[in-house]
Protein backbone atom coordinates (compact mmCIF):
# COMPACT_ATOMS: atom_id res chain seq x y z
CA PRO A 1 130.14 91.84 61.92
CA THR A 2 133.35 91.27 60.04
CA VAL A 3 134.27 87.68 59.23
CA SER A 4 137.08 87.82 61.82
CA ALA A 5 134.71 89.12 64.53
CA TRP A 6 132.14 86.51 63.54
CA TRP A 7 134.80 83.77 63.67
CA GLU A 8 135.65 84.57 67.30
CA GLN A 9 131.95 84.51 68.20
CA TRP A 10 131.41 81.26 66.30
CA LYS A 11 134.26 79.50 68.09
CA THR A 12 133.02 80.75 71.47
CA PHE A 13 129.51 79.54 70.70
CA MET A 14 130.60 76.14 69.39
CA PHE A 15 133.25 75.27 71.98
CA ASP A 16 132.61 77.40 75.09
CA THR A 17 128.82 77.75 75.29
CA ASP A 18 126.58 75.44 77.28
CA VAL A 19 122.94 75.08 76.25
CA ARG A 20 120.10 73.48 78.17
CA VAL A 21 118.99 70.20 76.64
CA VAL A 22 116.00 68.13 77.70
CA THR A 23 116.88 64.45 77.85
CA LYS A 24 114.60 61.54 76.95
CA SER A 25 113.74 61.14 80.62
CA GLY A 26 112.52 64.75 80.73
CA ALA A 27 115.44 66.01 82.81
CA SER A 28 117.31 69.12 81.75
CA SER A 29 121.09 69.28 81.53
CA ALA A 30 123.69 71.77 80.38
CA THR A 31 125.65 70.56 77.35
CA ARG A 32 128.41 72.19 75.36
CA VAL A 33 127.20 72.94 71.80
CA CYS A 34 129.98 70.91 70.16
CA LYS A 35 128.96 67.88 72.25
CA LEU A 36 125.53 67.83 70.58
CA LEU A 37 127.08 66.49 67.37
CA ASP A 38 127.21 62.77 66.72
CA PRO A 39 129.97 60.98 64.81
CA ILE A 40 129.15 59.09 61.65
CA SER A 41 128.82 55.59 63.04
CA ARG A 42 130.31 52.51 61.40
CA SER A 43 127.47 50.45 62.87
CA LYS A 44 124.96 52.57 60.95
CA TYR A 45 127.12 53.01 57.84
CA PRO A 46 129.29 49.89 57.42
CA ALA A 47 131.16 51.37 54.45
CA VAL A 48 132.68 54.00 56.74
CA SER A 49 136.20 53.10 57.86
CA GLU A 50 137.51 53.48 61.41
CA ALA A 51 139.58 56.46 60.30
CA GLU A 52 136.56 58.12 58.69
CA GLU A 53 134.49 57.55 61.80
CA ALA A 54 137.28 59.04 63.93
CA ILE A 55 137.49 62.24 61.89
CA SER A 56 133.76 62.63 61.26
CA LEU A 57 133.19 65.12 64.10
CA PRO A 58 136.08 67.44 63.20
CA LEU A 59 134.95 67.31 59.56
CA GLN A 60 131.36 68.15 60.51
CA ILE A 61 132.58 71.13 62.54
CA ALA A 62 134.84 72.31 59.72
CA CYS A 63 131.97 72.04 57.21
CA MET A 64 129.59 73.96 59.49
CA ALA A 65 132.20 76.67 60.03
CA ALA A 66 132.85 76.98 56.27
CA PHE A 67 129.12 77.08 55.47
CA ASP A 68 128.44 79.72 58.13
CA ALA A 69 131.46 81.79 57.04
CA ILE A 70 130.20 81.75 53.45
CA LEU A 71 126.78 82.98 54.61
CA VAL A 72 128.36 85.77 56.68
CA HIS A 73 130.50 86.79 53.71
CA ILE A 74 127.51 86.80 51.35
CA VAL A 75 125.32 88.95 53.59
CA ASN A 76 128.22 91.32 54.25
CA VAL A 77 128.69 91.75 50.50
CA VAL A 78 125.00 91.92 49.54
CA ALA A 79 123.66 94.04 52.42
CA PRO A 80 126.57 95.17 54.59
CA GLU A 81 124.61 97.69 56.65
CA ALA A 82 121.18 96.05 56.65
CA TRP A 83 121.40 92.30 57.16
CA HIS A 84 121.83 92.33 60.92
CA GLY A 85 118.68 94.45 61.32
CA VAL A 86 116.75 92.06 59.07
CA LYS A 87 118.04 89.09 61.09
CA MET A 88 117.02 90.71 64.37
CA ALA A 89 113.56 91.53 62.99
CA MET A 90 113.15 87.88 61.97
CA VAL A 91 114.31 86.65 65.38
CA ASN A 92 111.85 88.99 67.08
CA ALA A 93 109.01 87.94 64.80
CA LEU A 94 109.68 84.20 64.85
CA HIS A 95 111.20 83.54 68.25
CA THR A 96 111.29 86.35 70.79
CA ASN A 97 107.61 87.22 70.46
CA LYS A 98 106.48 83.75 69.40
CA THR A 99 104.04 83.09 72.26
CA ALA A 100 102.45 86.55 72.11
CA ARG A 101 102.17 86.37 68.32
CA THR A 102 100.67 82.85 68.46
CA LEU A 103 98.06 84.04 70.96
CA ASP A 104 97.28 87.08 68.77
CA ILE A 105 96.71 84.80 65.78
CA LEU A 106 94.54 82.38 67.75
CA ALA A 107 92.47 85.23 69.22
CA GLY A 108 92.13 86.97 65.84
CA PRO A 109 89.12 86.79 63.53
CA ALA A 110 90.44 83.91 61.43
CA TYR A 111 90.48 81.49 64.39
CA ALA A 112 88.04 83.10 66.85
CA THR A 113 85.32 80.56 66.06
CA CYS A 114 87.58 77.50 65.96
CA ASP A 115 88.23 74.99 68.73
CA VAL A 116 91.85 74.30 69.47
């Protein structure tokens, strides 16, 4: 996608998308993606001022957006027609078909005689 199209998708994902998160108790809850970030705590980092602690979340979000935008720009320049296909192939190989692929590996000759 173009950087402007990506930017709209990024903002929607970060601020309007709920994801399912498993809590420490084992319960599942829906949480907005931006709410998964933690501020830089003064109790953990005493050198951090109150003002720095207060702006730590917006700064984290700005840094993530800049980093992601740079990556989108790079792949659009390096492989404008191919990168999305490569990304989708990686997602399919590493995530979408993860269970089936894991079972194929475990059932294959390399692990057929091993106990798991």
